[in-house]
N, C-alpha and C. Protein backbone atom coordinates (compact mmCIF):
# COMPACT_ATOMS: atom_id res chain seq x y z
N MET A 1 -31.89 12.70 -6.22
CA MET A 1 -32.47 11.36 -6.30
C MET A 1 -31.67 10.47 -7.15
N SER A 2 -30.78 10.98 -8.00
CA SER A 2 -30.02 10.09 -8.65
C SER A 2 -28.88 9.30 -8.03
N LEU A 3 -28.47 9.84 -6.87
CA LEU A 3 -27.57 9.13 -6.04
C LEU A 3 -28.20 8.30 -5.03
N LEU A 4 -29.30 8.41 -4.83
CA LEU A 4 -30.08 7.44 -4.00
C LEU A 4 -29.69 6.06 -4.05
N PRO A 5 -29.62 5.50 -5.03
CA PRO A 5 -29.20 3.88 -5.19
C PRO A 5 -27.98 3.64 -4.64
N LEU A 6 -27.09 4.48 -4.80
CA LEU A 6 -25.68 4.27 -4.50
C LEU A 6 -25.65 4.26 -2.90
N VAL A 7 -26.36 5.22 -2.26
CA VAL A 7 -26.54 5.33 -0.57
C VAL A 7 -27.16 4.20 -0.17
N LEU A 8 -28.10 3.80 -0.63
CA LEU A 8 -29.05 2.77 -0.07
C LEU A 8 -28.26 1.53 -0.26
N ARG A 9 -27.35 1.20 -1.19
CA ARG A 9 -26.78 -0.11 -1.57
C ARG A 9 -25.82 -0.22 -0.18
N ASP A 10 -25.10 0.77 0.13
CA ASP A 10 -24.10 0.54 1.20
C ASP A 10 -24.89 0.54 2.51
N MET A 11 -25.86 1.16 2.70
CA MET A 11 -26.57 1.42 3.98
C MET A 11 -27.20 0.06 4.55
N LEU A 12 -28.02 -0.39 3.46
CA LEU A 12 -28.91 -1.49 3.73
C LEU A 12 -28.20 -2.80 3.65
N ARG A 13 -26.84 -3.04 3.24
CA ARG A 13 -26.21 -4.29 3.18
C ARG A 13 -26.48 -5.09 4.56
N PRO A 14 -25.96 -4.52 5.69
CA PRO A 14 -26.11 -5.42 6.75
C PRO A 14 -27.52 -5.83 7.17
N LEU A 15 -28.46 -5.11 6.91
CA LEU A 15 -29.93 -5.27 7.07
C LEU A 15 -30.33 -6.35 6.14
N ARG A 16 -29.83 -6.32 4.93
CA ARG A 16 -30.28 -7.26 3.93
C ARG A 16 -29.66 -8.71 4.31
N MET A 17 -28.34 -8.78 4.76
CA MET A 17 -27.99 -10.02 5.25
C MET A 17 -28.74 -10.70 6.42
N LEU A 18 -29.12 -9.91 7.33
CA LEU A 18 -29.89 -10.29 8.56
C LEU A 18 -31.42 -10.80 7.95
N GLU A 19 -32.05 -10.07 7.11
CA GLU A 19 -33.20 -10.52 6.53
C GLU A 19 -33.40 -11.57 5.58
N ASN A 20 -32.08 -11.84 5.01
CA ASN A 20 -32.09 -13.07 4.28
C ASN A 20 -32.00 -14.31 5.11
N GLN A 21 -31.39 -14.08 6.33
CA GLN A 21 -31.41 -15.41 7.25
C GLN A 21 -32.89 -15.48 7.89
N MET A 22 -33.57 -14.35 7.97
CA MET A 22 -34.89 -14.44 8.56
C MET A 22 -35.73 -15.18 7.36
N ARG A 23 -35.65 -14.92 6.25
CA ARG A 23 -36.55 -15.57 5.18
C ARG A 23 -36.08 -16.97 5.14
N LEU A 24 -34.89 -17.48 5.17
CA LEU A 24 -34.52 -18.87 5.18
C LEU A 24 -35.12 -19.66 6.42
N THR A 25 -35.20 -18.88 7.54
CA THR A 25 -35.82 -19.60 8.83
C THR A 25 -37.25 -19.64 8.47
N ASP A 26 -37.77 -18.72 8.04
CA ASP A 26 -39.29 -18.73 7.76
C ASP A 26 -39.63 -19.83 6.88
N GLU A 27 -38.88 -19.93 5.69
CA GLU A 27 -39.25 -21.03 4.67
C GLU A 27 -39.01 -22.31 5.43
N LEU A 28 -38.04 -22.46 6.30
CA LEU A 28 -37.84 -23.81 6.87
C LEU A 28 -38.77 -24.28 7.86
N ILE A 29 -39.31 -23.38 8.69
CA ILE A 29 -40.37 -23.57 9.63
C ILE A 29 -41.65 -23.64 9.22
N TYR A 30 -42.12 -22.71 8.07
CA TYR A 30 -43.38 -22.71 7.70
C TYR A 30 -43.41 -22.73 6.25
N PRO A 31 -43.10 -23.85 5.57
CA PRO A 31 -42.82 -23.90 4.20
C PRO A 31 -44.20 -23.58 3.55
N THR A 32 -45.30 -24.13 3.82
CA THR A 32 -46.63 -23.99 3.13
C THR A 32 -47.07 -22.61 3.32
N ILE A 33 -47.16 -22.13 4.63
CA ILE A 33 -47.67 -20.80 4.88
C ILE A 33 -46.72 -19.67 4.28
N TYR A 34 -45.49 -19.91 4.32
CA TYR A 34 -44.64 -18.94 3.76
C TYR A 34 -44.77 -18.61 2.15
N ARG A 35 -45.19 -19.64 1.67
CA ARG A 35 -45.51 -19.41 0.16
C ARG A 35 -46.89 -18.87 -0.05
N ILE A 36 -47.85 -19.20 0.85
CA ILE A 36 -49.04 -18.53 0.52
C ILE A 36 -49.11 -17.12 0.92
N ASN A 37 -48.60 -16.87 2.30
CA ASN A 37 -48.65 -15.48 2.80
C ASN A 37 -47.30 -15.08 3.03
N ARG A 38 -46.42 -14.65 2.11
CA ARG A 38 -45.07 -14.14 2.44
C ARG A 38 -44.94 -12.86 2.96
N PRO A 39 -44.19 -12.82 4.00
CA PRO A 39 -44.07 -11.53 4.67
C PRO A 39 -43.16 -10.58 3.75
N ARG A 40 -43.44 -9.17 3.89
CA ARG A 40 -42.64 -8.27 3.05
C ARG A 40 -41.59 -7.63 4.08
N TYR A 41 -40.25 -7.76 3.85
CA TYR A 41 -39.22 -7.16 4.41
C TYR A 41 -38.99 -5.77 4.01
N ALA A 42 -38.26 -5.03 4.65
CA ALA A 42 -38.00 -3.76 4.29
C ALA A 42 -37.12 -3.62 2.90
N THR A 43 -36.30 -4.61 2.94
CA THR A 43 -35.37 -4.59 1.66
C THR A 43 -36.04 -5.05 0.28
N ASP A 44 -37.08 -5.59 0.29
CA ASP A 44 -37.96 -6.04 -0.78
C ASP A 44 -38.40 -4.68 -1.49
N TYR A 45 -38.58 -3.80 -0.83
CA TYR A 45 -38.96 -2.48 -1.53
C TYR A 45 -38.07 -1.66 -2.16
N ASP A 46 -36.90 -1.76 -1.64
CA ASP A 46 -35.66 -1.04 -2.37
C ASP A 46 -34.82 -1.92 -3.20
N GLU A 47 -35.24 -3.19 -3.29
CA GLU A 47 -34.33 -4.17 -4.15
C GLU A 47 -34.18 -3.70 -5.49
N ASP A 48 -35.03 -3.13 -6.09
CA ASP A 48 -34.93 -2.53 -7.58
C ASP A 48 -33.74 -1.58 -7.52
N LEU A 49 -33.85 -0.60 -6.59
CA LEU A 49 -32.84 0.48 -6.69
C LEU A 49 -31.44 0.14 -6.38
N VAL A 50 -31.11 -1.09 -5.77
CA VAL A 50 -29.76 -1.54 -5.58
C VAL A 50 -29.37 -2.66 -6.20
N ARG A 51 -30.01 -3.35 -7.15
CA ARG A 51 -29.76 -4.43 -7.63
C ARG A 51 -28.68 -4.48 -8.82
N GLY A 52 -27.85 -3.62 -8.96
CA GLY A 52 -26.81 -3.54 -10.01
C GLY A 52 -26.92 -2.30 -10.93
N ASP A 53 -27.94 -1.61 -10.81
CA ASP A 53 -27.87 -0.37 -11.65
C ASP A 53 -26.95 0.71 -11.11
N SER A 54 -26.24 1.46 -11.99
CA SER A 54 -25.39 2.48 -11.62
C SER A 54 -25.49 3.72 -11.99
N VAL A 55 -25.03 4.75 -11.23
CA VAL A 55 -25.11 6.06 -11.94
C VAL A 55 -23.59 6.65 -11.80
N ILE A 56 -23.11 7.13 -12.67
CA ILE A 56 -21.69 7.61 -12.98
C ILE A 56 -21.76 9.11 -13.27
N GLN A 57 -21.12 9.92 -12.61
CA GLN A 57 -21.00 11.52 -12.78
C GLN A 57 -19.63 11.89 -12.79
N ASP A 58 -19.13 12.22 -13.84
CA ASP A 58 -17.68 12.92 -13.68
C ASP A 58 -17.70 14.15 -14.45
N LYS A 59 -16.51 14.67 -14.84
CA LYS A 59 -16.32 15.98 -15.38
C LYS A 59 -16.94 16.22 -16.74
N GLU A 60 -16.83 14.82 -17.55
CA GLU A 60 -17.51 15.07 -18.79
C GLU A 60 -18.95 14.63 -18.96
N LYS A 61 -19.38 13.65 -18.09
CA LYS A 61 -20.79 13.23 -18.51
C LYS A 61 -21.30 12.80 -17.08
N PHE A 62 -22.75 12.72 -17.48
CA PHE A 62 -23.67 11.86 -16.39
C PHE A 62 -24.10 10.66 -17.07
N GLN A 63 -23.94 9.50 -16.41
CA GLN A 63 -24.12 8.11 -17.17
C GLN A 63 -25.10 7.13 -16.26
N LEU A 64 -25.87 6.50 -16.83
CA LEU A 64 -26.79 5.58 -16.12
C LEU A 64 -26.60 4.24 -16.85
N LYS A 65 -26.35 3.11 -15.88
CA LYS A 65 -26.51 1.91 -16.50
C LYS A 65 -27.53 1.00 -15.72
N LEU A 66 -28.32 0.43 -16.47
CA LEU A 66 -29.62 -0.22 -16.00
C LEU A 66 -29.55 -1.55 -16.76
N ASP A 67 -30.00 -2.66 -15.77
CA ASP A 67 -30.15 -4.02 -16.27
C ASP A 67 -31.45 -4.38 -16.74
N VAL A 68 -31.59 -4.41 -18.01
CA VAL A 68 -32.91 -4.70 -18.89
C VAL A 68 -32.87 -5.88 -19.56
N GLN A 69 -32.22 -6.88 -19.04
CA GLN A 69 -31.89 -8.05 -19.85
C GLN A 69 -33.33 -8.99 -19.91
N ASN A 70 -34.30 -8.64 -19.17
CA ASN A 70 -35.55 -9.33 -19.21
C ASN A 70 -36.37 -8.68 -20.33
N PHE A 71 -35.99 -7.65 -21.03
CA PHE A 71 -36.92 -7.11 -22.01
C PHE A 71 -36.20 -7.20 -23.34
N LYS A 72 -37.01 -7.21 -24.42
CA LYS A 72 -36.42 -7.08 -26.00
C LYS A 72 -36.12 -5.60 -26.13
N PRO A 73 -35.27 -5.49 -27.09
CA PRO A 73 -34.94 -4.19 -27.46
C PRO A 73 -35.91 -3.27 -27.82
N GLU A 74 -37.03 -3.74 -28.64
CA GLU A 74 -38.16 -3.17 -29.08
C GLU A 74 -39.21 -2.85 -28.14
N GLU A 75 -39.10 -3.42 -26.79
CA GLU A 75 -39.86 -3.18 -25.69
C GLU A 75 -39.41 -2.16 -24.90
N ILE A 76 -38.20 -1.48 -24.93
CA ILE A 76 -37.77 -0.51 -24.06
C ILE A 76 -37.64 0.94 -24.77
N SER A 77 -38.00 1.99 -24.21
CA SER A 77 -37.99 3.23 -24.67
C SER A 77 -37.44 4.32 -23.52
N VAL A 78 -36.70 5.25 -24.26
CA VAL A 78 -35.98 6.16 -23.37
C VAL A 78 -36.34 7.52 -23.94
N LYS A 79 -36.99 8.32 -22.91
CA LYS A 79 -37.36 9.57 -23.32
C LYS A 79 -36.83 10.82 -22.36
N THR A 80 -36.61 12.03 -23.05
CA THR A 80 -36.30 13.14 -22.20
C THR A 80 -37.67 13.80 -21.77
N LEU A 81 -37.61 14.18 -20.70
CA LEU A 81 -39.09 15.01 -20.04
C LEU A 81 -38.74 16.40 -19.95
N ASN A 82 -39.87 17.25 -19.69
CA ASN A 82 -39.76 18.73 -19.71
C ASN A 82 -38.71 18.78 -18.40
N GLY A 83 -37.85 19.90 -18.59
CA GLY A 83 -37.07 20.10 -17.54
C GLY A 83 -35.74 19.49 -17.76
N ASN A 84 -35.36 18.65 -17.00
CA ASN A 84 -34.08 17.89 -16.89
C ASN A 84 -34.30 16.54 -16.34
N ALA A 85 -35.22 15.74 -17.02
CA ALA A 85 -35.37 14.43 -16.48
C ALA A 85 -35.28 13.53 -17.65
N ILE A 86 -34.85 12.15 -17.51
CA ILE A 86 -34.82 11.20 -18.45
C ILE A 86 -35.68 10.15 -17.89
N GLN A 87 -36.79 9.46 -18.74
CA GLN A 87 -37.46 8.48 -18.29
C GLN A 87 -37.19 7.18 -19.17
N ILE A 88 -36.90 6.13 -18.50
CA ILE A 88 -36.91 4.82 -19.09
C ILE A 88 -38.18 3.94 -18.91
N GLU A 89 -38.78 3.37 -19.93
CA GLU A 89 -39.94 2.53 -19.81
C GLU A 89 -39.69 1.27 -20.50
N ALA A 90 -40.12 0.11 -19.98
CA ALA A 90 -39.96 -1.14 -20.60
C ALA A 90 -41.21 -2.06 -20.18
N LYS A 91 -41.81 -2.59 -21.30
CA LYS A 91 -42.92 -3.55 -20.99
C LYS A 91 -43.09 -4.74 -21.73
N HIS A 92 -43.08 -5.85 -21.09
CA HIS A 92 -43.02 -7.17 -21.62
C HIS A 92 -44.34 -7.98 -21.35
N GLU A 93 -45.04 -8.54 -22.31
CA GLU A 93 -46.25 -9.28 -22.05
C GLU A 93 -46.13 -10.65 -22.71
N GLU A 94 -46.35 -11.73 -22.21
CA GLU A 94 -46.37 -12.95 -22.78
C GLU A 94 -47.30 -13.82 -22.46
N LYS A 95 -48.19 -14.29 -23.43
CA LYS A 95 -49.22 -15.26 -23.28
C LYS A 95 -48.91 -16.72 -23.76
N HIS A 96 -49.18 -17.83 -23.04
CA HIS A 96 -48.90 -19.20 -23.46
C HIS A 96 -50.08 -19.65 -24.24
N ASP A 97 -49.61 -20.54 -25.16
CA ASP A 97 -50.78 -21.07 -26.12
C ASP A 97 -51.90 -21.71 -25.39
N ASP A 98 -51.37 -22.32 -24.37
CA ASP A 98 -52.41 -23.41 -23.52
C ASP A 98 -53.36 -22.43 -22.66
N ASP A 99 -53.33 -21.11 -22.72
CA ASP A 99 -54.15 -20.40 -21.66
C ASP A 99 -53.78 -20.57 -20.07
N LYS A 100 -52.90 -21.08 -20.00
CA LYS A 100 -52.67 -21.44 -18.49
C LYS A 100 -51.39 -20.75 -17.88
N GLY A 101 -50.90 -19.97 -18.82
CA GLY A 101 -49.79 -19.04 -18.26
C GLY A 101 -49.88 -17.52 -18.92
N TYR A 102 -49.46 -16.57 -18.00
CA TYR A 102 -49.34 -15.29 -18.50
C TYR A 102 -48.01 -14.54 -17.79
N ILE A 103 -47.25 -13.90 -18.56
CA ILE A 103 -46.01 -13.25 -17.96
C ILE A 103 -46.07 -11.81 -18.40
N SER A 104 -45.99 -10.92 -17.45
CA SER A 104 -45.98 -9.48 -17.44
C SER A 104 -45.05 -8.89 -16.48
N ARG A 105 -44.16 -7.93 -17.25
CA ARG A 105 -43.13 -7.60 -16.68
C ARG A 105 -43.14 -5.78 -16.99
N GLU A 106 -42.92 -4.80 -16.13
CA GLU A 106 -43.14 -3.47 -16.54
C GLU A 106 -41.72 -2.92 -15.64
N LEU A 107 -41.14 -1.91 -16.25
CA LEU A 107 -40.14 -1.07 -15.64
C LEU A 107 -40.33 0.44 -16.04
N VAL A 108 -40.36 1.12 -15.17
CA VAL A 108 -40.38 2.72 -15.32
C VAL A 108 -39.49 3.39 -14.41
N ARG A 109 -38.51 4.03 -14.78
CA ARG A 109 -37.57 4.87 -13.95
C ARG A 109 -37.46 6.14 -14.68
N ARG A 110 -37.32 7.04 -13.53
CA ARG A 110 -37.20 8.70 -13.82
C ARG A 110 -35.91 8.88 -13.28
N PHE A 111 -34.98 9.65 -13.96
CA PHE A 111 -33.84 10.21 -13.34
C PHE A 111 -33.83 11.69 -13.57
N ILE A 112 -33.34 12.59 -12.57
CA ILE A 112 -33.14 13.93 -12.84
C ILE A 112 -31.69 14.09 -13.07
N LEU A 113 -31.45 14.93 -14.28
CA LEU A 113 -30.01 15.05 -14.63
C LEU A 113 -29.58 16.31 -13.69
N PRO A 114 -28.36 16.29 -13.24
CA PRO A 114 -27.76 17.39 -12.48
C PRO A 114 -27.66 18.49 -13.43
N LYS A 115 -27.76 19.81 -12.79
CA LYS A 115 -27.46 21.11 -13.62
C LYS A 115 -26.12 20.94 -14.39
N GLY A 116 -26.31 21.47 -15.69
CA GLY A 116 -25.04 21.56 -16.44
C GLY A 116 -24.80 20.49 -17.39
N HIS A 117 -25.83 19.69 -17.79
CA HIS A 117 -25.93 18.58 -18.52
C HIS A 117 -26.79 18.90 -19.67
N ASP A 118 -26.43 18.47 -20.90
CA ASP A 118 -27.11 18.62 -22.17
C ASP A 118 -28.31 17.73 -22.41
N LEU A 119 -29.44 17.90 -22.14
CA LEU A 119 -30.51 17.28 -22.25
C LEU A 119 -30.68 16.67 -23.77
N LYS A 120 -30.35 17.82 -24.70
CA LYS A 120 -30.71 17.52 -26.11
C LYS A 120 -29.55 16.53 -26.69
N SER A 121 -28.35 16.43 -26.16
CA SER A 121 -27.36 15.46 -26.66
C SER A 121 -27.47 14.03 -25.98
N VAL A 122 -28.53 13.59 -25.31
CA VAL A 122 -28.49 12.37 -24.56
C VAL A 122 -28.63 11.29 -25.61
N VAL A 123 -27.77 10.33 -25.34
CA VAL A 123 -27.62 8.95 -26.09
C VAL A 123 -27.83 7.87 -25.37
N SER A 124 -28.28 6.86 -25.92
CA SER A 124 -28.53 5.55 -25.33
C SER A 124 -27.85 4.28 -26.00
N SER A 125 -27.65 3.43 -25.37
CA SER A 125 -27.24 1.97 -26.16
C SER A 125 -27.49 0.96 -25.29
N LEU A 126 -27.76 -0.23 -25.96
CA LEU A 126 -27.89 -1.53 -25.43
C LEU A 126 -26.94 -2.43 -25.73
N SER A 127 -26.29 -3.05 -24.59
CA SER A 127 -25.30 -4.18 -24.91
C SER A 127 -25.98 -5.31 -25.09
N PRO A 128 -25.13 -6.31 -25.65
CA PRO A 128 -25.66 -7.85 -26.19
C PRO A 128 -26.04 -8.31 -24.67
N ASP A 129 -25.39 -8.32 -23.43
CA ASP A 129 -25.97 -8.78 -22.47
C ASP A 129 -27.05 -8.13 -21.66
N GLY A 130 -27.64 -6.96 -22.20
CA GLY A 130 -28.85 -6.57 -21.68
C GLY A 130 -28.62 -5.42 -20.72
N VAL A 131 -27.49 -4.51 -20.81
CA VAL A 131 -27.40 -3.38 -20.04
C VAL A 131 -27.73 -2.25 -20.93
N LEU A 132 -28.58 -1.51 -20.55
CA LEU A 132 -28.99 -0.15 -21.12
C LEU A 132 -28.00 0.92 -20.56
N THR A 133 -27.44 1.59 -21.41
CA THR A 133 -26.26 2.58 -20.97
C THR A 133 -27.06 3.87 -21.53
N ILE A 134 -27.15 5.05 -20.65
CA ILE A 134 -27.77 6.39 -21.14
C ILE A 134 -26.63 7.39 -20.67
N THR A 135 -26.08 8.15 -21.57
CA THR A 135 -25.29 9.01 -21.38
C THR A 135 -25.66 10.49 -21.73
N ALA A 136 -25.45 11.37 -20.97
CA ALA A 136 -25.73 12.82 -21.11
C ALA A 136 -24.62 13.79 -20.70
N PRO A 137 -23.90 14.36 -22.02
CA PRO A 137 -22.61 14.89 -21.70
C PRO A 137 -23.08 16.45 -21.07
N ARG A 138 -21.84 16.90 -20.44
CA ARG A 138 -21.86 18.17 -19.75
C ARG A 138 -22.11 19.13 -21.06
N LYS A 139 -22.80 20.25 -20.64
CA LYS A 139 -22.83 21.27 -21.58
C LYS A 139 -21.48 22.15 -21.79
N VAL A 140 -21.03 22.41 -22.85
CA VAL A 140 -19.85 23.11 -23.17
C VAL A 140 -20.30 24.72 -23.22
N GLU A 141 -19.75 25.43 -22.26
CA GLU A 141 -20.34 26.78 -22.21
C GLU A 141 -19.32 27.69 -23.07
N GLU A 142 -19.83 28.23 -24.09
CA GLU A 142 -19.19 28.99 -25.00
C GLU A 142 -19.30 30.44 -24.66
N LEU A 143 -18.38 31.16 -24.13
CA LEU A 143 -18.40 32.66 -23.71
C LEU A 143 -18.40 33.35 -25.00
N GLU A 144 -19.39 34.35 -24.99
CA GLU A 144 -19.29 35.28 -26.04
C GLU A 144 -18.48 36.42 -25.78
N GLU A 145 -17.80 37.24 -26.51
CA GLU A 145 -17.14 38.19 -26.31
C GLU A 145 -18.25 39.42 -26.42
N LYS A 146 -18.07 40.26 -25.10
CA LYS A 146 -18.99 41.15 -25.09
C LYS A 146 -18.36 42.35 -24.47
N VAL A 147 -18.56 43.58 -25.18
CA VAL A 147 -17.96 44.84 -24.81
C VAL A 147 -18.79 45.43 -23.79
N ILE A 148 -18.26 45.75 -22.70
CA ILE A 148 -18.91 46.53 -21.64
C ILE A 148 -18.49 47.87 -21.56
N PRO A 149 -19.53 48.73 -21.58
CA PRO A 149 -19.49 50.08 -21.73
C PRO A 149 -18.85 50.69 -20.30
N ILE A 150 -18.11 51.80 -20.41
CA ILE A 150 -17.42 52.14 -19.13
C ILE A 150 -18.07 53.69 -19.01
N THR A 151 -18.75 53.84 -17.67
CA THR A 151 -19.26 55.18 -17.57
C THR A 151 -18.19 56.00 -17.11
N HIS A 152 -18.16 57.40 -17.27
CA HIS A 152 -17.25 58.35 -16.57
C HIS A 152 -17.96 59.06 -15.84
N GLU A 153 -17.36 59.21 -14.64
CA GLU A 153 -17.94 60.19 -13.52
C GLU A 153 -17.24 61.55 -13.79
N ASP A 154 -18.21 62.65 -13.57
CA ASP A 154 -17.62 63.88 -13.69
C ASP A 154 -17.06 64.33 -12.09
N SER A 155 -15.83 64.57 -11.81
CA SER A 155 -15.42 64.67 -10.39
C SER A 155 -15.91 65.93 -9.85
N GLU A 156 -16.36 67.05 -10.73
CA GLU A 156 -16.78 68.25 -10.03
C GLU A 156 -18.20 68.11 -9.64
N LYS A 157 -19.00 67.60 -10.33
CA LYS A 157 -20.39 67.55 -9.85
C LYS A 157 -21.03 66.28 -9.46
N GLY A 158 -20.23 65.18 -9.35
CA GLY A 158 -20.69 63.93 -8.87
C GLY A 158 -21.64 63.31 -10.14
N LYS A 159 -21.58 63.76 -11.17
CA LYS A 159 -22.40 63.24 -12.14
C LYS A 159 -21.94 62.06 -12.99
N SER A 160 -22.54 61.29 -13.62
CA SER A 160 -21.97 60.30 -14.34
C SER A 160 -22.41 60.67 -15.82
N ASN A 161 -21.42 60.57 -16.71
CA ASN A 161 -21.78 60.81 -18.26
C ASN A 161 -21.53 59.52 -18.72
N GLU A 162 -22.55 59.32 -19.67
CA GLU A 162 -22.61 57.96 -20.40
C GLU A 162 -21.53 58.16 -21.51
N PRO A 163 -20.91 56.99 -21.88
CA PRO A 163 -19.93 57.20 -23.09
C PRO A 163 -20.77 57.35 -24.36
N LYS A 164 -20.23 57.95 -25.21
CA LYS A 164 -20.69 58.16 -26.54
C LYS A 164 -20.29 57.14 -27.71
């Protein structure tokens, strides 16, 4: 699931160019109707997935970068969920004093971490230009030394004798 935005971005680029032309034509031919009853094109639904967010996975870490510039830092939360998932939530509401306007934005994203990443060591940071970066380092596997007992088989009887 975490690689889906990368795949969609490349697959849908030609389709998006065609649909942008269709939108422009619709707006020119039917300007009033277009604003009232705007058609939904296929790329409208996946636009959030491919609008500049990135997923980076290398030998040392799994990293997400999300554009959250429309939210204040206190409106954003990052949580780890049961298993191996990260959830990003942001909510912004704004009422104007004259009661003629209301703005509401909400963002909820869930990402599944690949196996081998440490969910307990996830860190997040917000840049001044509104890019949220979430990093999950790979787990460092420390191998414990373990003595493995050797069983001795008696060649005469085919029995195995446990070591003492």
